[in-house]
Amino acid sequence: MNEMVSTRHITDQAQAVQTPSASYTWYLSAYQLHGNLWLSWQTTAPFRAQQGQIMVYSGQFFPANPQDNVRAWQWDNVSSNGWDTGLPWGSGWYCAWNAQRSPNGPYAYAVQVVTA
């Protein structure tokens, strides 16, 4: 099985009398199953990213706007154990886990992976 994995480690801090902090990690994996591109994702965070989406892009780069040139997508609260994108497995698929900036702002890349 061919598999590409990308992770991003994000630290969240709150300023107060004490400075509590927590670190969370987001994982995005691309793999081949039955000839198709499949994606799976998980996080150590106890919360969902705001309007989180899993994206596969057309083209040979990640677009400046994460909502452009989308070939296939899925909400991040669906099928996290494995999503069949319906696209054929191969190199050069640009995949990302995106979230909306708070409050209700534009989308931004959280994790990116390119199949090889």
PDB file of N, CA and C in Angstrom:
ATOM      1  N   MET A   1       0.853  -1.183   0.000  1.00  0.00           N
ATOM      2  CA  MET A   1       0.000   0.000   0.000  1.00  0.00           C
ATOM      3  C   MET A   1       0.887   1.231   0.000  1.00  0.00           C
ATOM      4  N   ASN A   2       0.668   2.132  -0.946  1.00  0.00           N
ATOM      5  CA  ASN A   2       1.369   3.411  -0.986  1.00  0.00           C
ATOM      6  C   ASN A   2       0.648   4.363  -0.049  1.00  0.00           C
ATOM      7  N   GLU A   3       1.408   5.090   0.781  1.00  0.00           N
ATOM      8  CA  GLU A   3       0.758   5.999   1.724  1.00  0.00           C
ATOM      9  C   GLU A   3       1.607   7.244   1.909  1.00  0.00           C
ATOM     10  N   MET A   4       0.948   8.399   1.888  1.00  0.00           N
ATOM     11  CA  MET A   4       1.595   9.674   2.151  1.00  0.00           C
ATOM     12  C   MET A   4       0.936  10.243   3.403  1.00  0.00           C
ATOM     13  N   VAL A   5       1.729  10.706   4.360  1.00  0.00           N
ATOM     14  CA  VAL A   5       1.190  11.226   5.609  1.00  0.00           C
ATOM     15  C   VAL A   5       1.776  12.612   5.854  1.00  0.00           C
ATOM     16  N   SER A   6       0.938  13.537   6.278  1.00  0.00           N
ATOM     17  CA  SER A   6       1.386  14.870   6.648  1.00  0.00           C
ATOM     18  C   SER A   6       0.771  15.211   7.996  1.00  0.00           C
ATOM     19  N   THR A   7       1.526  15.891   8.827  1.00  0.00           N
ATOM     20  CA  THR A   7       1.005  16.296  10.132  1.00  0.00           C
ATOM     21  C   THR A   7       1.334  17.751  10.374  1.00  0.00           C
ATOM     22  N   ARG A   8       0.570  18.351  11.250  1.00  0.00           N
ATOM     23  CA  ARG A   8       0.856  19.716  11.670  1.00  0.00           C
ATOM     24  C   ARG A   8       0.609  19.789  13.162  1.00  0.00           C
ATOM     25  N   HIS A   9       1.531  20.376  13.891  1.00  0.00           N
ATOM     26  CA  HIS A   9       1.455  20.504  15.341  1.00  0.00           C
ATOM     27  C   HIS A   9       1.138  21.963  15.662  1.00  0.00           C
ATOM     28  N   ILE A  10       0.052  22.190  16.370  1.00  0.00           N
ATOM     29  CA  ILE A  10      -0.390  23.547  16.677  1.00  0.00           C
ATOM     30  C   ILE A  10      -0.512  23.697  18.187  1.00  0.00           C
ATOM     31  N   THR A  11       0.012  24.782  18.721  1.00  0.00           N
ATOM     32  CA  THR A  11      -0.073  25.039  20.156  1.00  0.00           C
ATOM     33  C   THR A  11      -1.074  26.161  20.403  1.00  0.00           C
ATOM     34  N   ASP A  12      -1.964  25.928  21.354  1.00  0.00           N
ATOM     35  CA  ASP A  12      -2.994  26.903  21.710  1.00  0.00           C
ATOM     36  C   ASP A  12      -2.673  27.410  23.115  1.00  0.00           C
ATOM     37  N   GLN A  13      -2.559  28.709  23.290  1.00  0.00           N
ATOM     38  CA  GLN A  13      -2.242  29.261  24.589  1.00  0.00           C
ATOM     39  C   GLN A  13      -3.250  30.320  24.986  1.00  0.00           C
ATOM     40  N   ALA A  14      -3.565  30.387  26.269  1.00  0.00           N
ATOM     41  CA  ALA A  14      -4.453  31.421  26.802  1.00  0.00           C
ATOM     42  C   ALA A  14      -3.668  32.202  27.849  1.00  0.00           C
ATOM     43  N   GLN A  15      -3.767  33.524  27.814  1.00  0.00           N
ATOM     44  CA  GLN A  15      -3.060  34.364  28.777  1.00  0.00           C
ATOM     45  C   GLN A  15      -3.991  34.684  29.944  1.00  0.00           C
ATOM     46  N   ALA A  16      -3.526  34.413  31.147  1.00  0.00           N
ATOM     47  CA  ALA A  16      -4.296  34.690  32.355  1.00  0.00           C
ATOM     48  C   ALA A  16      -3.306  34.740  33.511  1.00  0.00           C
ATOM     49  N   VAL A  17      -3.822  34.670  34.742  1.00  0.00           N
ATOM     50  CA  VAL A  17      -2.933  34.645  35.901  1.00  0.00           C
ATOM     51  C   VAL A  17      -1.977  33.462  35.757  1.00  0.00           C
ATOM     52  N   GLN A  18      -2.542  32.319  35.395  1.00  0.00           N
ATOM     53  CA  GLN A  18      -1.732  31.173  35.029  1.00  0.00           C
ATOM     54  C   GLN A  18      -1.782  31.075  33.511  1.00  0.00           C
ATOM     55  N   THR A  19      -0.798  30.445  32.926  1.00  0.00           N
ATOM     56  CA  THR A  19      -0.773  30.311  31.473  1.00  0.00           C
ATOM     57  C   THR A  19      -0.964  28.849  31.092  1.00  0.00           C
ATOM     58  N   PRO A  20      -2.223  28.412  31.029  1.00  0.00           N
ATOM     59  CA  PRO A  20      -2.448  27.039  30.591  1.00  0.00           C
ATOM     60  C   PRO A  20      -2.189  26.933  29.093  1.00  0.00           C
ATOM     61  N   SER A  21      -1.698  25.814  28.668  1.00  0.00           N
ATOM     62  CA  SER A  21      -1.488  25.616  27.241  1.00  0.00           C
ATOM     63  C   SER A  21      -1.753  24.160  26.905  1.00  0.00           C
ATOM     64  N   ALA A  22      -2.037  23.933  25.648  1.00  0.00           N
ATOM     65  CA  ALA A  22      -2.275  22.586  25.162  1.00  0.00           C
ATOM     66  C   ALA A  22      -1.760  22.495  23.743  1.00  0.00           C
ATOM     67  N   SER A  23      -1.290  21.338  23.362  1.00  0.00           N
ATOM     68  CA  SER A  23      -0.811  21.115  22.008  1.00  0.00           C
ATOM     69  C   SER A  23      -1.665  20.051  21.348  1.00  0.00           C
ATOM     70  N   TYR A  24      -1.999  20.283  20.084  1.00  0.00           N
ATOM     71  CA  TYR A  24      -2.814  19.347  19.324  1.00  0.00           C
ATOM     72  C   TYR A  24      -2.137  19.084  17.992  1.00  0.00           C
ATOM     73  N   THR A  25      -2.386  17.923  17.441  1.00  0.00           N
ATOM     74  CA  THR A  25      -1.802  17.543  16.161  1.00  0.00           C
ATOM     75  C   THR A  25      -2.907  17.082  15.229  1.00  0.00           C
ATOM     76  N   TRP A  26      -2.806  17.484  13.953  1.00  0.00           N
ATOM     77  CA  TRP A  26      -3.735  17.063  12.914  1.00  0.00           C
ATOM     78  C   TRP A  26      -2.971  16.184  11.932  1.00  0.00           C
ATOM     79  N   TYR A  27      -3.560  15.050  11.539  1.00  0.00           N
ATOM     80  CA  TYR A  27      -2.938  14.096  10.623  1.00  0.00           C
ATOM     81  C   TYR A  27      -3.813  13.937   9.382  1.00  0.00           C
ATOM     82  N   LEU A  28      -3.194  13.919   8.214  1.00  0.00           N
ATOM     83  CA  LEU A  28      -3.889  13.668   6.955  1.00  0.00           C
ATOM     84  C   LEU A  28      -3.080  12.631   6.192  1.00  0.00           C
ATOM     85  N   SER A  29      -3.723  11.521   5.804  1.00  0.00           N
ATOM     86  CA  SER A  29      -3.053  10.443   5.079  1.00  0.00           C
ATOM     87  C   SER A  29      -3.733  10.217   3.742  1.00  0.00           C
ATOM     88  N   ALA A  30      -2.916  10.027   2.705  1.00  0.00           N
ATOM     89  CA  ALA A  30      -3.407   9.679   1.371  1.00  0.00           C
ATOM     90  C   ALA A  30      -2.890   8.285   1.057  1.00  0.00           C
ATOM     91  N   TYR A  31      -3.766   7.417   0.564  1.00  0.00           N
ATOM     92  CA  TYR A  31      -3.349   6.052   0.251  1.00  0.00           C
ATOM     93  C   TYR A  31      -4.186   5.490  -0.889  1.00  0.00           C
ATOM     94  N   GLN A  32      -3.701   4.376  -1.451  1.00  0.00           N
ATOM     95  CA  GLN A  32      -4.353   3.702  -2.559  1.00  0.00           C
ATOM     96  C   GLN A  32      -5.136   2.513  -2.022  1.00  0.00           C
ATOM     97  N   LEU A  33      -6.385   2.398  -2.449  1.00  0.00           N
ATOM     98  CA  LEU A  33      -7.207   1.234  -2.116  1.00  0.00           C
ATOM     99  C   LEU A  33      -8.125   0.977  -3.302  1.00  0.00           C
ATOM    100  N   HIS A  34      -8.095  -0.247  -3.819  1.00  0.00           N
ATOM    101  CA  HIS A  34      -8.911  -0.624  -4.982  1.00  0.00           C
ATOM    102  C   HIS A  34      -8.682   0.304  -6.169  1.00  0.00           C
ATOM    103  N   GLY A  35      -7.443   0.813  -6.306  1.00  0.00           N
ATOM    104  CA  GLY A  35      -7.098   1.657  -7.444  1.00  0.00           C
ATOM    105  C   GLY A  35      -7.478   3.116  -7.309  1.00  0.00           C
ATOM    106  N   ASN A  36      -8.101   3.489  -6.200  1.00  0.00           N
ATOM    107  CA  ASN A  36      -8.537   4.875  -6.010  1.00  0.00           C
ATOM    108  C   ASN A  36      -7.719   5.589  -4.938  1.00  0.00           C
ATOM    109  N   LEU A  37      -7.774   6.916  -4.981  1.00  0.00           N
ATOM    110  CA  LEU A  37      -7.186   7.762  -3.946  1.00  0.00           C
ATOM    111  C   LEU A  37      -8.137   7.798  -2.753  1.00  0.00           C
ATOM    112  N   TRP A  38      -7.653   7.370  -1.617  1.00  0.00           N
ATOM    113  CA  TRP A  38      -8.404   7.427  -0.366  1.00  0.00           C
ATOM    114  C   TRP A  38      -7.686   8.373   0.583  1.00  0.00           C
ATOM    115  N   LEU A  39      -8.446   9.062   1.419  1.00  0.00           N
ATOM    116  CA  LEU A  39      -7.891   9.942   2.436  1.00  0.00           C
ATOM    117  C   LEU A  39      -8.465   9.560   3.794  1.00  0.00           C
ATOM    118  N   SER A  40      -7.631   9.670   4.815  1.00  0.00           N
ATOM    119  CA  SER A  40      -8.110   9.516   6.189  1.00  0.00           C
ATOM    120  C   SER A  40      -7.467  10.615   7.020  1.00  0.00           C
ATOM    121  N   TRP A  41      -8.096  10.965   8.115  1.00  0.00           N
ATOM    122  CA  TRP A  41      -7.609  12.072   8.931  1.00  0.00           C
ATOM    123  C   TRP A  41      -7.996  11.848  10.375  1.00  0.00           C
ATOM    124  N   GLN A  42      -7.227  12.472  11.250  1.00  0.00           N
ATOM    125  CA  GLN A  42      -7.518  12.431  12.685  1.00  0.00           C
ATOM    126  C   GLN A  42      -6.778  13.571  13.361  1.00  0.00           C
ATOM    127  N   THR A  43      -7.185  13.852  14.580  1.00  0.00           N
ATOM    128  CA  THR A  43      -6.541  14.906  15.362  1.00  0.00           C
ATOM    129  C   THR A  43      -6.537  14.494  16.826  1.00  0.00           C
ATOM    130  N   THR A  44      -5.593  15.046  17.559  1.00  0.00           N
ATOM    131  CA  THR A  44      -5.562  14.838  19.012  1.00  0.00           C
ATOM    132  C   THR A  44      -6.386  15.902  19.730  1.00  0.00           C
ATOM    133  N   ALA A  45      -6.910  16.869  18.975  1.00  0.00           N
ATOM    134  CA  ALA A  45      -7.702  17.954  19.567  1.00  0.00           C
ATOM    135  C   ALA A  45      -9.070  17.430  20.017  1.00  0.00           C
ATOM    136  N   PRO A  46      -9.569  17.922  21.130  1.00  0.00           N
ATOM    137  CA  PRO A  46     -10.893  17.504  21.605  1.00  0.00           C
ATOM    138  C   PRO A  46     -12.033  18.288  20.950  1.00  0.00           C
ATOM    139  N   PHE A  47     -11.733  19.018  19.886  1.00  0.00           N
ATOM    140  CA  PHE A  47     -12.730  19.836  19.209  1.00  0.00           C
ATOM    141  C   PHE A  47     -12.524  19.720  17.704  1.00  0.00           C
ATOM    142  N   ARG A  48     -13.545  20.087  16.942  1.00  0.00           N
ATOM    143  CA  ARG A  48     -13.470  20.075  15.486  1.00  0.00           C
ATOM    144  C   ARG A  48     -13.013  21.440  15.002  1.00  0.00           C
ATOM    145  N   ALA A  49     -12.191  21.454  13.954  1.00  0.00           N
ATOM    146  CA  ALA A  49     -11.810  22.722  13.330  1.00  0.00           C
ATOM    147  C   ALA A  49     -13.081  23.376  12.788  1.00  0.00           C
ATOM    148  N   GLN A  50     -13.123  24.698  12.799  1.00  0.00           N
ATOM    149  CA  GLN A  50     -14.321  25.405  12.354  1.00  0.00           C
ATOM    150  C   GLN A  50     -14.587  25.135  10.880  1.00  0.00           C
ATOM    151  N   GLN A  51     -15.732  24.509  10.592  1.00  0.00           N
ATOM    152  CA  GLN A  51     -16.134  24.188   9.224  1.00  0.00           C
ATOM    153  C   GLN A  51     -15.035  23.455   8.460  1.00  0.00           C
ATOM    154  N   GLY A  52     -14.385  22.505   9.140  1.00  0.00           N
ATOM    155  CA  GLY A  52     -13.267  21.776   8.548  1.00  0.00           C
ATOM    156  C   GLY A  52     -13.670  20.990   7.303  1.00  0.00           C
ATOM    157  N   GLN A  53     -12.815  21.029   6.289  1.00  0.00           N
ATOM    158  CA  GLN A  53     -13.058  20.331   5.027  1.00  0.00           C
ATOM    159  C   GLN A  53     -11.791  19.606   4.589  1.00  0.00           C
ATOM    160  N   ILE A  54     -11.981  18.463   3.959  1.00  0.00           N
ATOM    161  CA  ILE A  54     -10.904  17.712   3.334  1.00  0.00           C
ATOM    162  C   ILE A  54     -11.042  17.950   1.833  1.00  0.00           C
ATOM    163  N   MET A  55      -9.967  18.378   1.176  1.00  0.00           N
ATOM    164  CA  MET A  55     -10.026  18.777  -0.229  1.00  0.00           C
ATOM    165  C   MET A  55      -8.999  18.028  -1.068  1.00  0.00           C
ATOM    166  N   VAL A  56      -9.375  17.780  -2.326  1.00  0.00           N
ATOM    167  CA  VAL A  56      -8.440  17.323  -3.351  1.00  0.00           C
ATOM    168  C   VAL A  56      -8.542  18.344  -4.477  1.00  0.00           C
ATOM    169  N   TYR A  57      -7.379  18.823  -4.946  1.00  0.00           N
ATOM    170  CA  TYR A  57      -7.347  19.907  -5.925  1.00  0.00           C
ATOM    171  C   TYR A  57      -6.973  19.440  -7.321  1.00  0.00           C
ATOM    172  N   SER A  58      -7.521  20.143  -8.309  1.00  0.00           N
ATOM    173  CA  SER A  58      -7.108  19.992  -9.700  1.00  0.00           C
ATOM    174  C   SER A  58      -5.862  20.849  -9.890  1.00  0.00           C
ATOM    175  N   GLY A  59      -4.966  20.428 -10.733  1.00  0.00           N
ATOM    176  CA  GLY A  59      -3.789  21.244 -11.015  1.00  0.00           C
ATOM    177  C   GLY A  59      -2.551  20.743 -10.314  1.00  0.00           C
ATOM    178  N   GLN A  60      -1.496  21.492 -10.458  1.00  0.00           N
ATOM    179  CA  GLN A  60      -0.182  21.086  -9.959  1.00  0.00           C
ATOM    180  C   GLN A  60       0.324  21.946  -8.806  1.00  0.00           C
ATOM    181  N   PHE A  61      -0.601  22.524  -8.033  1.00  0.00           N
ATOM    182  CA  PHE A  61      -0.207  23.364  -6.904  1.00  0.00           C
ATOM    183  C   PHE A  61      -1.410  23.546  -5.989  1.00  0.00           C
ATOM    184  N   PHE A  62      -1.149  24.042  -4.779  1.00  0.00           N
ATOM    185  CA  PHE A  62      -2.228  24.417  -3.879  1.00  0.00           C
ATOM    186  C   PHE A  62      -2.651  25.834  -4.243  1.00  0.00           C
ATOM    187  N   PRO A  63      -3.927  26.069  -4.535  1.00  0.00           N
ATOM    188  CA  PRO A  63      -4.351  27.420  -4.917  1.00  0.00           C
ATOM    189  C   PRO A  63      -4.226  28.400  -3.749  1.00  0.00           C
ATOM    190  N   ALA A  64      -4.058  29.674  -4.065  1.00  0.00           N
ATOM    191  CA  ALA A  64      -3.958  30.708  -3.029  1.00  0.00           C
ATOM    192  C   ALA A  64      -5.216  30.721  -2.156  1.00  0.00           C
ATOM    193  N   ASN A  65      -6.383  30.539  -2.779  1.00  0.00           N
ATOM    194  CA  ASN A  65      -7.646  30.441  -2.054  1.00  0.00           C
ATOM    195  C   ASN A  65      -7.982  28.955  -1.925  1.00  0.00           C
ATOM    196  N   PRO A  66      -7.990  28.405  -0.701  1.00  0.00           N
ATOM    197  CA  PRO A  66      -8.244  26.971  -0.519  1.00  0.00           C
ATOM    198  C   PRO A  66      -9.608  26.489  -1.029  1.00  0.00           C
ATOM    199  N   GLN A  67     -10.480  27.399  -1.442  1.00  0.00           N
ATOM    200  CA  GLN A  67     -11.794  27.006  -1.971  1.00  0.00           C
ATOM    201  C   GLN A  67     -11.796  26.912  -3.502  1.00  0.00           C
ATOM    202  N   ASP A  68     -10.677  27.242  -4.151  1.00  0.00           N
ATOM    203  CA  ASP A  68     -10.595  27.217  -5.615  1.00  0.00           C
ATOM    204  C   ASP A  68     -10.053  25.882  -6.131  1.00  0.00           C
ATOM    205  N   ASN A  69     -10.389  25.563  -7.386  1.00  0.00           N
ATOM    206  CA  ASN A  69      -9.861  24.399  -8.106  1.00  0.00           C
ATOM    207  C   ASN A  69     -10.053  23.080  -7.360  1.00  0.00           C
ATOM    208  N   VAL A  70     -11.185  22.935  -6.694  1.00  0.00           N
ATOM    209  CA  VAL A  70     -11.477  21.732  -5.916  1.00  0.00           C
ATOM    210  C   VAL A  70     -11.997  20.636  -6.844  1.00  0.00           C
ATOM    211  N   ARG A  71     -11.382  19.480  -6.790  1.00  0.00           N
ATOM    212  CA  ARG A  71     -11.802  18.332  -7.598  1.00  0.00           C
ATOM    213  C   ARG A  71     -12.778  17.459  -6.815  1.00  0.00           C
ATOM    214  N   ALA A  72     -12.520  17.278  -5.512  1.00  0.00           N
ATOM    215  CA  ALA A  72     -13.407  16.507  -4.633  1.00  0.00           C
ATOM    216  C   ALA A  72     -13.228  17.038  -3.218  1.00  0.00           C
ATOM    217  N   TRP A  73     -14.289  16.963  -2.409  1.00  0.00           N
ATOM    218  CA  TRP A  73     -14.171  17.416  -1.030  1.00  0.00           C
ATOM    219  C   TRP A  73     -15.164  16.684  -0.138  1.00  0.00           C
ATOM    220  N   GLN A  74     -14.898  16.774   1.175  1.00  0.00           N
ATOM    221  CA  GLN A  74     -15.711  16.113   2.196  1.00  0.00           C
ATOM    222  C   GLN A  74     -15.586  16.919   3.488  1.00  0.00           C
ATOM    223  N   TRP A  75     -16.671  17.039   4.242  1.00  0.00           N
ATOM    224  CA  TRP A  75     -16.580  17.653   5.570  1.00  0.00           C
ATOM    225  C   TRP A  75     -15.686  16.787   6.438  1.00  0.00           C
ATOM    226  N   ASP A  76     -14.964  17.387   7.369  1.00  0.00           N
ATOM    227  CA  ASP A  76     -14.024  16.615   8.185  1.00  0.00           C
ATOM    228  C   ASP A  76     -14.683  15.799   9.294  1.00  0.00           C
ATOM    229  N   ASN A  77     -15.985  15.956   9.482  1.00  0.00           N
ATOM    230  CA  ASN A  77     -16.667  15.151  10.506  1.00  0.00           C
ATOM    231  C   ASN A  77     -17.362  13.932   9.894  1.00  0.00           C
ATOM    232  N   VAL A  78     -17.068  13.636   8.625  1.00  0.00           N
ATOM    233  CA  VAL A  78     -17.653  12.501   7.922  1.00  0.00           C
ATOM    234  C   VAL A  78     -16.526  11.597   7.433  1.00  0.00           C
ATOM    235  N   SER A  79     -16.658  10.292   7.597  1.00  0.00           N
ATOM    236  CA  SER A  79     -15.753   9.310   6.984  1.00  0.00           C
ATOM    237  C   SER A  79     -14.284   9.473   7.353  1.00  0.00           C
ATOM    238  N   SER A  80     -13.952   9.919   8.544  1.00  0.00           N
ATOM    239  CA  SER A  80     -12.548  10.152   8.879  1.00  0.00           C
ATOM    240  C   SER A  80     -11.712   8.878   8.899  1.00  0.00           C
ATOM    241  N   ASN A  81     -12.355   7.712   8.953  1.00  0.00           N
ATOM    242  CA  ASN A  81     -11.613   6.452   8.935  1.00  0.00           C
ATOM    243  C   ASN A  81     -11.249   6.018   7.531  1.00  0.00           C
ATOM    244  N   GLY A  82     -11.669   6.746   6.543  1.00  0.00           N
ATOM    245  CA  GLY A  82     -11.331   6.437   5.166  1.00  0.00           C
ATOM    246  C   GLY A  82     -12.387   6.957   4.225  1.00  0.00           C
ATOM    247  N   TRP A  83     -11.976   7.803   3.315  1.00  0.00           N
ATOM    248  CA  TRP A  83     -12.881   8.396   2.338  1.00  0.00           C
ATOM    249  C   TRP A  83     -12.380   8.068   0.944  1.00  0.00           C
ATOM    250  N   ASP A  84     -13.200   7.390   0.177  1.00  0.00           N
ATOM    251  CA  ASP A  84     -12.901   7.097  -1.220  1.00  0.00           C
ATOM    252  C   ASP A  84     -13.255   8.343  -2.018  1.00  0.00           C
ATOM    253  N   THR A  85     -12.260   9.033  -2.527  1.00  0.00           N
ATOM    254  CA  THR A  85     -12.490  10.263  -3.269  1.00  0.00           C
ATOM    255  C   THR A  85     -13.131  10.007  -4.630  1.00  0.00           C
ATOM    256  N   GLY A  86     -13.072   8.749  -5.090  1.00  0.00           N
ATOM    257  CA  GLY A  86     -13.576   8.420  -6.415  1.00  0.00           C
ATOM    258  C   GLY A  86     -12.588   8.763  -7.524  1.00  0.00           C
ATOM    259  N   LEU A  87     -11.429   9.270  -7.141  1.00  0.00           N
ATOM    260  CA  LEU A  87     -10.386   9.641  -8.105  1.00  0.00           C
ATOM    261  C   LEU A  87      -9.360   8.514  -8.201  1.00  0.00           C
ATOM    262  N   PRO A  88      -8.761   8.305  -9.361  1.00  0.00           N
ATOM    263  CA  PRO A  88      -7.785   7.232  -9.494  1.00  0.00           C
ATOM    264  C   PRO A  88      -6.509   7.544  -8.711  1.00  0.00           C
ATOM    265  N   TRP A  89      -5.917   6.515  -8.106  1.00  0.00           N
ATOM    266  CA  TRP A  89      -4.661   6.699  -7.385  1.00  0.00           C
ATOM    267  C   TRP A  89      -3.561   7.091  -8.365  1.00  0.00           C
ATOM    268  N   GLY A  90      -2.669   7.945  -7.941  1.00  0.00           N
ATOM    269  CA  GLY A  90      -1.520   8.325  -8.743  1.00  0.00           C
ATOM    270  C   GLY A  90      -0.742   9.424  -8.064  1.00  0.00           C
ATOM    271  N   SER A  91       0.351   9.798  -8.673  1.00  0.00           N
ATOM    272  CA  SER A  91       1.166  10.864  -8.107  1.00  0.00           C
ATOM    273  C   SER A  91       0.591  12.222  -8.513  1.00  0.00           C
ATOM    274  N   GLY A  92       0.902  13.221  -7.703  1.00  0.00           N
ATOM    275  CA  GLY A  92       0.512  14.589  -8.031  1.00  0.00           C
ATOM    276  C   GLY A  92      -0.857  15.024  -7.572  1.00  0.00           C
ATOM    277  N   TRP A  93      -1.499  14.256  -6.683  1.00  0.00           N
ATOM    278  CA  TRP A  93      -2.754  14.746  -6.105  1.00  0.00           C
ATOM    279  C   TRP A  93      -2.420  15.676  -4.947  1.00  0.00           C
ATOM    280  N   TYR A  94      -2.965  16.886  -4.985  1.00  0.00           N
ATOM    281  CA  TYR A  94      -2.765  17.874  -3.933  1.00  0.00           C
ATOM    282  C   TYR A  94      -3.975  17.812  -3.001  1.00  0.00           C
ATOM    283  N   CYS A  95      -3.718  17.414  -1.761  1.00  0.00           N
ATOM    284  CA  CYS A  95      -4.788  17.176  -0.781  1.00  0.00           C
ATOM    285  C   CYS A  95      -4.547  18.044   0.448  1.00  0.00           C
ATOM    286  N   ALA A  96      -5.627  18.497   1.076  1.00  0.00           N
ATOM    287  CA  ALA A  96      -5.476  19.365   2.243  1.00  0.00           C
ATOM    288  C   ALA A  96      -6.642  19.210   3.206  1.00  0.00           C
ATOM    289  N   TRP A  97      -6.359  19.513   4.445  1.00  0.00           N
ATOM    290  CA  TRP A  97      -7.372  19.656   5.497  1.00  0.00           C
ATOM    291  C   TRP A  97      -7.428  21.147   5.776  1.00  0.00           C
ATOM    292  N   ASN A  98      -8.560  21.755   5.516  1.00  0.00           N
ATOM    293  CA  ASN A  98      -8.734  23.200   5.651  1.00  0.00           C
ATOM    294  C   ASN A  98      -9.727  23.513   6.763  1.00  0.00           C
ATOM    295  N   ALA A  99      -9.600  24.694   7.307  1.00  0.00           N
ATOM    296  CA  ALA A  99     -10.549  25.162   8.319  1.00  0.00           C
ATOM    297  C   ALA A  99     -10.810  26.645   8.100  1.00  0.00           C
ATOM    298  N   GLN A 100     -11.951  27.074   8.563  1.00  0.00           N
ATOM    299  CA  GLN A 100     -12.339  28.470   8.431  1.00  0.00           C
ATOM    300  C   GLN A 100     -11.710  29.275   9.563  1.00  0.00           C
ATOM    301  N   ARG A 101     -11.098  30.394   9.223  1.00  0.00           N
ATOM    302  CA  ARG A 101     -10.534  31.268  10.266  1.00  0.00           C
ATOM    303  C   ARG A 101     -11.671  31.859  11.092  1.00  0.00           C
ATOM    304  N   SER A 102     -11.408  32.051  12.364  1.00  0.00           N
ATOM    305  CA  SER A 102     -12.414  32.589  13.260  1.00  0.00           C
ATOM    306  C   SER A 102     -12.404  34.114  13.186  1.00  0.00           C
ATOM    307  N   PRO A 103     -13.501  34.775  13.305  1.00  0.00           N
ATOM    308  CA  PRO A 103     -14.868  34.242  13.298  1.00  0.00           C
ATOM    309  C   PRO A 103     -15.428  34.235  11.870  1.00  0.00           C
ATOM    310  N   ASN A 104     -15.785  33.105  11.386  1.00  0.00           N
ATOM    311  CA  ASN A 104     -16.399  32.933  10.058  1.00  0.00           C
ATOM    312  C   ASN A 104     -15.596  33.577   8.936  1.00  0.00           C
ATOM    313  N   GLY A 105     -14.292  33.523   9.062  1.00  0.00           N
ATOM    314  CA  GLY A 105     -13.419  34.141   8.073  1.00  0.00           C
ATOM    315  C   GLY A 105     -13.147  33.230   6.894  1.00  0.00           C
ATOM    316  N   PRO A 106     -12.192  33.598   6.067  1.00  0.00           N
ATOM    317  CA  PRO A 106     -11.874  32.770   4.904  1.00  0.00           C
ATOM    318  C   PRO A 106     -11.219  31.459   5.342  1.00  0.00           C
ATOM    319  N   TYR A 107     -11.211  30.495   4.431  1.00  0.00           N
ATOM    320  CA  TYR A 107     -10.579  29.206   4.717  1.00  0.00           C
ATOM    321  C   TYR A 107      -9.064  29.332   4.652  1.00  0.00           C
ATOM    322  N   ALA A 108      -8.383  28.501   5.441  1.00  0.00           N
ATOM    323  CA  ALA A 108      -6.930  28.452   5.460  1.00  0.00           C
ATOM    324  C   ALA A 108      -6.491  26.991   5.503  1.00  0.00           C
ATOM    325  N   TYR A 109      -5.303  26.705   4.990  1.00  0.00           N
ATOM    326  CA  TYR A 109      -4.756  25.355   5.029  1.00  0.00           C
ATOM    327  C   TYR A 109      -4.297  25.019   6.446  1.00  0.00           C
ATOM    328  N   ALA A 110      -4.678  23.846   6.916  1.00  0.00           N
ATOM    329  CA  ALA A 110      -4.187  23.340   8.197  1.00  0.00           C
ATOM    330  C   ALA A 110      -3.106  22.283   7.952  1.00  0.00           C
ATOM    331  N   VAL A 111      -3.383  21.348   7.037  1.00  0.00           N
ATOM    332  CA  VAL A 111      -2.437  20.283   6.698  1.00  0.00           C
ATOM    333  C   VAL A 111      -2.491  20.074   5.192  1.00  0.00           C
ATOM    334  N   GLN A 112      -1.332  19.861   4.586  1.00  0.00           N
ATOM    335  CA  GLN A 112      -1.267  19.618   3.137  1.00  0.00           C
ATOM    336  C   GLN A 112      -0.439  18.365   2.869  1.00  0.00           C
ATOM    337  N   VAL A 113      -0.831  17.608   1.852  1.00  0.00           N
ATOM    338  CA  VAL A 113      -0.054  16.427   1.426  1.00  0.00           C
ATOM    339  C   VAL A 113      -0.179  16.301  -0.082  1.00  0.00           C
ATOM    340  N   VAL A 114       0.919  15.873  -0.729  1.00  0.00           N
ATOM    341  CA  VAL A 114       0.932  15.652  -2.176  1.00  0.00           C
ATOM    342  C   VAL A 114       1.346  14.202  -2.392  1.00  0.00           C
ATOM    343  N   THR A 115       0.580  13.467  -3.192  1.00  0.00           N
ATOM    344  CA  THR A 115       0.920  12.077  -3.460  1.00  0.00           C
ATOM    345  C   THR A 115       2.136  12.009  -4.385  1.00  0.00           C
ATOM    346  N   ALA A 116       2.968  10.997  -4.171  1.00  0.00           N
ATOM    347  CA  ALA A 116       4.181  10.832  -4.989  1.00  0.00           C
ATOM    348  C   ALA A 116       4.189   9.474  -5.660  1.00  0.00           C
TER     349      ALA A 116
END
